[in-house]
Protein backbone atom coordinates (compact mmCIF):
# COMPACT_ATOMS: atom_id res chain seq x y z
CA UNK A 1 152.79 62.96 104.23
CA UNK A 2 149.19 61.29 105.27
CA UNK A 3 148.20 64.56 106.36
CA UNK A 4 149.07 66.54 103.44
CA UNK A 5 146.81 63.68 101.49
CA UNK A 6 143.83 63.92 103.58
CA UNK A 7 143.86 68.06 103.14
CA UNK A 8 143.89 67.55 99.85
CA UNK A 9 141.03 65.32 99.78
CA UNK A 10 139.49 67.46 102.00
CA UNK A 11 139.79 70.53 99.49
CA UNK A 12 138.50 68.42 96.74
CA UNK A 13 135.34 67.61 98.23
CA UNK A 14 134.77 71.08 99.59
CA UNK A 15 135.40 72.51 96.14
CA UNK A 16 133.22 69.70 94.05
CA UNK A 17 130.36 70.62 96.91
CA UNK A 18 130.72 74.64 96.48
CA UNK A 19 130.01 73.98 92.70
CA UNK A 20 127.11 76.56 91.96
CA UNK A 21 124.81 74.06 90.45
CA UNK A 22 122.55 75.86 87.66
CA UNK A 23 119.19 77.52 88.57
CA UNK A 24 116.24 75.48 88.43
CA UNK A 25 114.25 78.70 86.98
CA UNK A 26 116.13 78.70 83.92
CA UNK A 27 116.31 74.81 83.20
CA UNK A 28 111.77 75.39 83.59
CA UNK A 29 112.22 77.94 80.96
CA UNK A 30 114.40 75.95 78.43
CA UNK A 31 111.85 72.78 79.16
CA UNK A 32 108.64 75.48 78.33
CA UNK A 33 110.35 76.63 75.27
CA UNK A 34 111.19 73.01 74.28
CA UNK A 35 107.26 72.28 73.82
CA UNK A 36 106.74 75.48 72.23
CA UNK A 37 109.45 74.88 69.92
CA UNK A 38 107.67 71.17 69.42
CA UNK A 39 104.30 73.22 68.85
CA UNK A 40 105.76 75.62 66.46
CA UNK A 41 107.52 73.34 64.17
CA UNK A 42 104.66 70.73 63.57
CA UNK A 43 102.17 73.73 62.70
CA UNK A 44 104.88 75.05 60.40
CA UNK A 45 105.72 71.35 58.97
CA UNK A 46 102.50 69.98 58.83
CA UNK A 47 100.05 72.36 58.86
CA UNK A 48 99.11 71.90 55.31
CA UNK A 49 95.87 70.07 55.85
CA UNK A 50 97.04 66.90 53.54
CA UNK A 51 96.97 63.86 55.45
CA UNK A 52 98.70 61.68 53.40
CA UNK A 53 101.72 64.41 53.26
CA UNK A 54 101.64 64.32 56.64
CA UNK A 55 101.66 60.48 57.65
CA UNK A 56 104.37 60.66 55.12
CA UNK A 57 106.78 62.97 56.20
CA UNK A 58 106.46 62.35 59.82
CA UNK A 59 108.54 59.69 60.13
CA UNK A 60 111.19 61.91 58.36
CA UNK A 61 111.11 65.12 60.27
CA UNK A 62 109.32 64.69 63.45
CA UNK A 63 112.63 63.03 65.24
CA UNK A 64 115.04 64.66 62.80
CA UNK A 65 117.96 66.69 63.99
CA UNK A 66 116.86 69.60 61.31
CA UNK A 67 113.99 69.93 63.72
CA UNK A 68 116.03 69.65 66.62
CA UNK A 69 118.13 72.54 65.70
CA UNK A 70 115.22 74.40 64.85
CA UNK A 71 113.94 74.10 68.39
CA UNK A 72 117.30 74.45 70.23
CA UNK A 73 117.78 77.52 68.65
CA UNK A 74 114.92 79.06 70.51
CA UNK A 75 115.25 77.57 73.56
CA UNK A 76 116.67 80.70 75.46
CA UNK A 77 114.72 83.20 73.22
CA UNK A 78 116.16 86.45 74.48
CA UNK A 79 117.15 84.90 78.18
CA UNK A 80 120.69 86.02 79.78
CA UNK A 81 124.05 84.68 78.82
CA UNK A 82 123.63 82.40 81.98
CA UNK A 83 120.51 80.78 80.08
CA UNK A 84 122.82 79.92 76.76
CA UNK A 85 125.69 79.02 78.54
CA UNK A 86 123.72 75.89 80.34
CA UNK A 87 122.32 75.29 77.17
CA UNK A 88 125.53 74.99 75.59
CA UNK A 89 126.78 72.96 78.37
CA UNK A 90 123.90 70.30 78.30
CA UNK A 91 123.24 70.17 74.75
CA UNK A 92 124.28 66.36 73.94
CA UNK A 93 122.04 65.96 76.88
CA UNK A 94 119.09 67.21 75.03
CA UNK A 95 120.46 65.21 72.10
CA UNK A 96 120.39 62.06 74.00
CA UNK A 97 117.40 63.14 75.25
CA UNK A 98 115.89 63.76 71.79
CA UNK A 99 117.22 60.69 69.97
CA UNK A 100 117.27 58.03 72.68
CA UNK A 101 114.22 58.64 74.38
CA UNK A 102 111.77 61.50 72.35
CA UNK A 103 113.09 59.78 68.69
CA UNK A 104 111.67 56.28 70.41
CA UNK A 105 108.58 57.65 71.60
CA UNK A 106 109.22 56.65 75.01
CA UNK A 107 106.97 58.64 77.47
CA UNK A 108 109.73 60.19 79.21
CA UNK A 109 108.83 63.75 81.31
CA UNK A 110 111.69 66.18 79.53
CA UNK A 111 111.53 68.10 82.67
CA UNK A 112 112.59 64.91 84.69
CA UNK A 113 115.05 64.00 82.09
CA UNK A 114 116.86 67.24 82.11
CA UNK A 115 116.36 69.14 85.16
CA UNK A 116 116.48 66.68 87.90
CA UNK A 117 118.19 63.56 86.94
CA UNK A 118 120.71 65.64 84.41
CA UNK A 119 121.47 69.03 85.52
CA UNK A 120 120.40 68.77 88.64
CA UNK A 121 119.02 71.97 88.36
CA UNK A 122 115.52 71.23 90.19
CA UNK A 123 114.31 68.73 92.72
CA UNK A 124 110.92 66.67 92.58
CA UNK A 125 108.05 68.52 94.00
CA UNK A 126 108.00 68.90 97.75
CA UNK A 127 111.90 68.30 98.13
CA UNK A 128 114.80 70.79 98.15
CA UNK A 129 118.75 71.26 98.39
CA UNK A 130 121.35 70.00 96.78
CA UNK A 131 120.53 66.79 98.26
CA UNK A 132 116.28 67.05 97.49
CA UNK A 133 115.39 66.49 101.01
CA UNK A 134 111.78 65.96 101.50
CA UNK A 135 109.98 69.23 103.25
CA UNK A 136 108.75 69.46 106.58
CA UNK A 137 105.98 67.00 106.95
CA UNK A 138 106.74 64.89 104.26
CA UNK A 139 106.29 64.96 100.39
CA UNK A 140 102.66 63.80 100.20
CA UNK A 141 101.82 66.55 103.07
CA UNK A 142 104.49 69.67 103.01
CA UNK A 143 104.00 72.36 106.12
CA UNK A 144 100.49 70.29 106.82
CA UNK A 145 99.32 71.76 103.81
CA UNK A 146 99.00 74.94 105.60
CA UNK A 147 102.04 76.57 103.65
CA UNK A 148 104.79 76.58 101.42
CA UNK A 149 108.30 75.26 101.92
CA UNK A 150 111.22 77.51 101.25
CA UNK A 151 112.91 76.42 97.82
CA UNK A 152 110.62 73.02 97.13
CA UNK A 153 111.18 71.74 93.90
CA UNK A 154 114.72 73.25 93.51
CA UNK A 155 118.31 72.69 94.66
CA UNK A 156 118.06 75.97 96.46
CA UNK A 157 116.43 76.88 99.75
CA UNK A 158 116.05 76.42 103.98
CA UNK A 159 113.24 73.86 103.77
CA UNK A 160 111.40 75.82 106.29
CA UNK A 161 107.77 76.40 106.18
CA UNK A 162 106.24 79.72 105.57
CA UNK A 163 102.99 79.25 107.14
CA UNK A 164 99.58 80.74 105.15
CA UNK A 165 97.51 83.30 107.14
CA UNK A 166 96.63 81.97 110.72
CA UNK A 167 98.96 79.21 110.95
CA UNK A 168 102.43 79.13 113.12
CA UNK A 169 104.77 76.46 113.80
CA UNK A 170 107.60 74.42 111.95
CA UNK A 171 105.17 72.30 110.48
CA UNK A 172 102.14 75.00 110.22
CA UNK A 173 100.40 73.19 112.71
CA UNK A 174 99.11 75.27 115.13
CA UNK A 175 97.16 78.45 115.23
CA UNK A 176 98.35 81.72 115.54
CA UNK A 177 96.55 84.28 118.22
CA UNK A 178 93.44 85.81 116.47
CA UNK A 179 92.39 82.91 115.19
CA UNK A 180 91.04 79.69 116.68
CA UNK A 181 91.35 76.05 115.96
CA UNK A 182 88.03 74.61 113.73
CA UNK A 183 88.25 71.29 111.62
CA UNK A 184 87.20 70.21 108.11
CA UNK A 185 87.62 66.87 106.89
CA UNK A 186 89.71 66.11 109.81
CA UNK A 187 92.22 68.43 109.17
CA UNK A 188 93.18 71.75 110.67
CA UNK A 189 91.68 74.78 110.13
CA UNK A 190 92.60 78.10 111.67
CA UNK A 191 89.69 80.83 111.24
CA UNK A 192 89.79 84.10 112.27
CA UNK A 193 88.36 85.57 115.85
CA UNK A 194 85.54 88.19 115.44
CA UNK A 195 86.82 91.69 115.21
CA UNK A 196 85.50 92.38 118.76
CA UNK A 197 88.17 90.04 120.22
CA UNK A 198 91.08 91.65 122.04
CA UNK A 199 93.62 88.68 121.07
CA UNK A 200 92.34 85.03 121.34
CA UNK A 201 88.90 83.20 121.14
CA UNK A 202 87.90 79.85 121.82
CA UNK A 203 84.95 80.08 118.70
CA UNK A 204 83.76 82.40 116.03
CA UNK A 205 81.49 85.73 116.59
CA UNK A 206 81.55 87.63 119.12
CA UNK A 207 80.84 85.52 121.69
CA UNK A 208 83.46 83.75 121.74
CA UNK A 209 86.08 86.16 122.53
CA UNK A 210 88.06 85.81 125.49
CA UNK A 211 88.28 88.99 126.26
CA UNK A 212 86.73 92.09 124.53
CA UNK A 213 89.17 94.92 122.37
CA UNK A 214 88.85 98.21 123.41
CA UNK A 215 85.97 100.01 122.03
CA UNK A 216 84.08 97.04 123.00
CA UNK A 217 81.96 96.20 126.08
CA UNK A 218 81.29 92.45 127.54
CA UNK A 219 77.34 91.57 127.14
CA UNK A 220 76.25 88.78 129.16
CA UNK A 221 74.34 87.14 126.35
CA UNK A 222 75.40 88.79 123.46
CA UNK A 223 79.34 88.75 123.71
CA UNK A 224 81.56 91.78 123.03
CA UNK A 225 79.59 94.70 121.54
CA UNK A 226 80.25 97.79 120.19
CA UNK A 227 80.32 100.95 122.37
CA UNK A 228 78.64 104.06 120.85
CA UNK A 229 81.14 106.69 121.43
CA UNK A 230 79.00 109.25 120.00
CA UNK A 231 76.32 109.52 122.57
CA UNK A 232 79.60 111.37 124.63
CA UNK A 233 79.87 114.12 122.46
CA UNK A 234 83.31 113.48 121.48
CA UNK A 235 83.95 115.74 118.74
CA UNK A 236 84.85 119.60 118.63
CA UNK A 237 82.54 122.43 118.06
CA UNK A 238 81.29 122.76 114.22
CA UNK A 239 81.88 118.74 113.89
CA UNK A 240 79.62 115.87 113.58
CA UNK A 241 80.51 112.22 115.04
CA UNK A 242 79.70 109.21 113.34
CA UNK A 243 79.84 105.93 115.03
CA UNK A 244 82.32 103.10 113.75
CA UNK A 245 83.12 99.36 114.90
CA UNK A 246 85.10 100.00 118.25
CA UNK A 247 85.85 103.58 117.22
CA UNK A 248 84.04 106.98 116.43
CA UNK A 249 85.39 109.69 113.48
CA UNK A 250 84.68 113.45 113.73
CA UNK A 251 84.20 115.44 110.36
CA UNK A 252 83.45 118.97 109.75
CA UNK A 253 79.96 120.50 109.32
CA UNK A 254 78.87 121.98 106.05
CA UNK A 255 79.77 125.60 105.63
CA UNK A 256 75.96 126.79 106.07
CA UNK A 257 76.08 124.96 109.61
CA UNK A 258 77.08 126.47 112.98
CA UNK A 259 76.36 123.33 114.38
CA UNK A 260 75.11 119.94 112.94
CA UNK A 261 74.26 115.99 113.23
CA UNK A 262 75.48 114.84 110.08
CA UNK A 263 76.72 116.14 106.40
CA UNK A 264 75.14 118.26 104.24
CA UNK A 265 73.27 121.99 104.49
CA UNK A 266 70.08 119.50 105.43
CA UNK A 267 71.50 118.50 108.80
CA UNK A 268 72.35 121.88 110.56
CA UNK A 269 70.93 122.40 113.89
CA UNK A 270 71.59 126.11 113.70
CA UNK A 271 72.29 127.93 110.40
CA UNK A 272 75.73 129.76 109.54
CA UNK A 273 76.05 133.50 109.68
CA UNK A 274 75.24 134.20 105.84
CA UNK A 275 72.59 131.49 105.86
CA UNK A 276 69.04 130.79 107.06
CA UNK A 277 66.78 127.80 107.19
CA UNK A 278 64.64 127.50 104.24
CA UNK A 279 61.65 125.71 105.90
CA UNK A 280 60.39 124.33 102.32
CA UNK A 281 63.29 122.49 101.28
CA UNK A 282 64.75 121.84 105.17
CA UNK A 283 68.05 123.60 104.77
CA UNK A 284 70.12 126.08 105.63
CA UNK A 285 70.28 128.07 102.44
CA UNK A 286 72.33 131.02 101.33
CA UNK A 287 71.52 134.91 102.32
CA UNK A 288 71.38 136.64 99.01
CA UNK A 289 73.05 140.02 100.59
CA UNK A 290 72.72 141.73 97.32
CA UNK A 291 69.31 141.23 96.51
CA UNK A 292 67.65 144.40 97.85
CA UNK A 293 70.33 146.94 96.54
CA UNK A 294 71.49 148.47 99.20
CA UNK A 295 74.85 147.54 99.18
CA UNK A 296 78.05 148.40 96.94
CA UNK A 297 76.48 151.71 96.08
CA UNK A 298 79.45 153.58 95.71
CA UNK A 299 80.58 154.76 91.31
CA UNK A 300 80.63 152.31 89.26
CA UNK A 301 80.13 149.48 92.12
CA UNK A 302 77.92 146.17 91.92
CA UNK A 303 77.32 143.49 94.66
CA UNK A 304 78.71 140.02 93.91
CA UNK A 305 76.78 137.53 96.20
CA UNK A 306 78.89 134.84 97.59
CA UNK A 307 78.33 131.64 99.69
CA UNK A 308 77.47 132.90 103.26
CA UNK A 309 78.88 136.87 102.24
CA UNK A 310 79.33 139.20 99.46
CA UNK A 311 81.55 141.22 98.09
CA UNK A 312 81.92 144.92 96.22
CA UNK A 313 83.51 144.64 92.75
CA UNK A 314 83.86 147.19 89.84
CA UNK A 315 81.49 147.02 87.07
CA UNK A 316 82.65 145.79 83.34
CA UNK A 317 85.25 149.00 82.08
CA UNK A 318 86.19 149.51 85.55
CA UNK A 319 89.15 148.85 88.12
CA UNK A 320 90.17 149.86 91.76
CA UNK A 321 92.20 152.43 92.11
CA UNK A 322 93.01 154.63 94.78
CA UNK A 323 89.61 153.14 96.68
CA UNK A 324 87.36 153.76 93.78
CA UNK A 325 86.38 152.05 90.48
CA UNK A 326 88.01 153.94 87.83
CA UNK A 327 87.70 153.57 84.12
CA UNK A 328 90.25 151.25 82.59
CA UNK A 329 91.92 153.20 79.69
CA UNK A 330 91.94 151.98 76.43
CA UNK A 331 94.29 150.61 74.75
CA UNK A 332 95.17 153.61 72.69
CA UNK A 333 95.60 155.90 75.54
CA UNK A 334 97.81 153.34 77.64
CA UNK A 335 100.07 153.72 73.92
CA UNK A 336 99.64 157.12 74.57
CA UNK A 337 101.18 156.88 77.87
CA UNK A 338 103.71 154.66 77.18
CA UNK A 339 105.12 157.21 74.58
CA UNK A 340 105.07 160.10 76.91
CA UNK A 341 106.94 157.97 79.55
CA UNK A 342 109.88 156.96 76.84
CA UNK A 343 109.83 161.25 76.12
CA UNK A 344 110.04 162.03 79.71
CA UNK A 345 107.37 162.64 82.58
CA UNK A 346 104.52 164.55 82.54
CA UNK A 347 103.24 166.77 85.53
CA UNK A 348 101.11 164.22 86.60
CA UNK A 349 103.66 161.93 86.58
CA UNK A 350 105.73 163.95 88.48
CA UNK A 351 103.46 164.79 90.93
CA UNK A 352 102.98 161.22 91.59
CA UNK A 353 106.78 160.68 91.93
CA UNK A 354 106.54 163.19 94.41
CA UNK A 355 103.73 161.72 96.66
CA UNK A 356 105.75 158.76 96.89
CA UNK A 357 108.64 160.12 97.73
CA UNK A 358 106.95 161.81 100.90
CA UNK A 359 105.63 158.57 101.25
């Protein structure tokens, strides 16, 4: 019998602890909309500019149930059902605050009163969880001031520190690899190592590296210095090299270049076929193969210059047919041909069909 009684007591405490607490974010929305409602109702009722009327009306409306009802109607705005359920459950709490705290002109913080003390949805700053425990490092300096406490200000979270960039440790009071310890106003400050450092350093700049990163070389006086890989000509033919910090990049030469030392036709070291050096402009310029009229001499043909080349095309009104430029039939002729096709094949059509069959 005694064991049964103890088991029931255990279940009661278990279920009570498992009860889902309201979300702090929803309670904060209610508080924000409460203050917003105070402002909107004040403007709508006391915005006439008549000071005597405002002073006379303030006592009857400012702390009235009528005004409270107007504010409560908009506390959830268009929020989820959860907000309306929470509001319905704690409506009496809000009314008590209105008449006994706000109505008596007490300087009571609504967020503290509603979200922390009565709804128990939130915790004071820098505390977390169901029991509002202090965040690591204490409420005055959580996470050593170098991170965020998980769940801080809510009844949720683990309380673990999420350290800012460069920091590590349960209290965010150590520096990660790639950062070195500095100090400012007696507070730990983790500063980034120079880009040339492989992993760790003891001070800022290339001289502070414990070891140089790949693409950098140790200089006794200057510390880690960038290696210019372009001196070893690492790029393929028809490419040029650009040195970068700790590495390099290869880019394709301009179309005018057979080889080059940089971007554009002015950086060619040798011109490509179809181009020649223009000494005045200092660039490899396109050769106009069509300029002397010696190309594309077939009937009804003309030469069209292209970058580094040319192409023989038919003149306007002609199209390529069986290796030569033939006149494009006029619309009337085309219509006639279509009519002939419907009535029956002509002799020329039969001949063409025979040739196709032979092929």
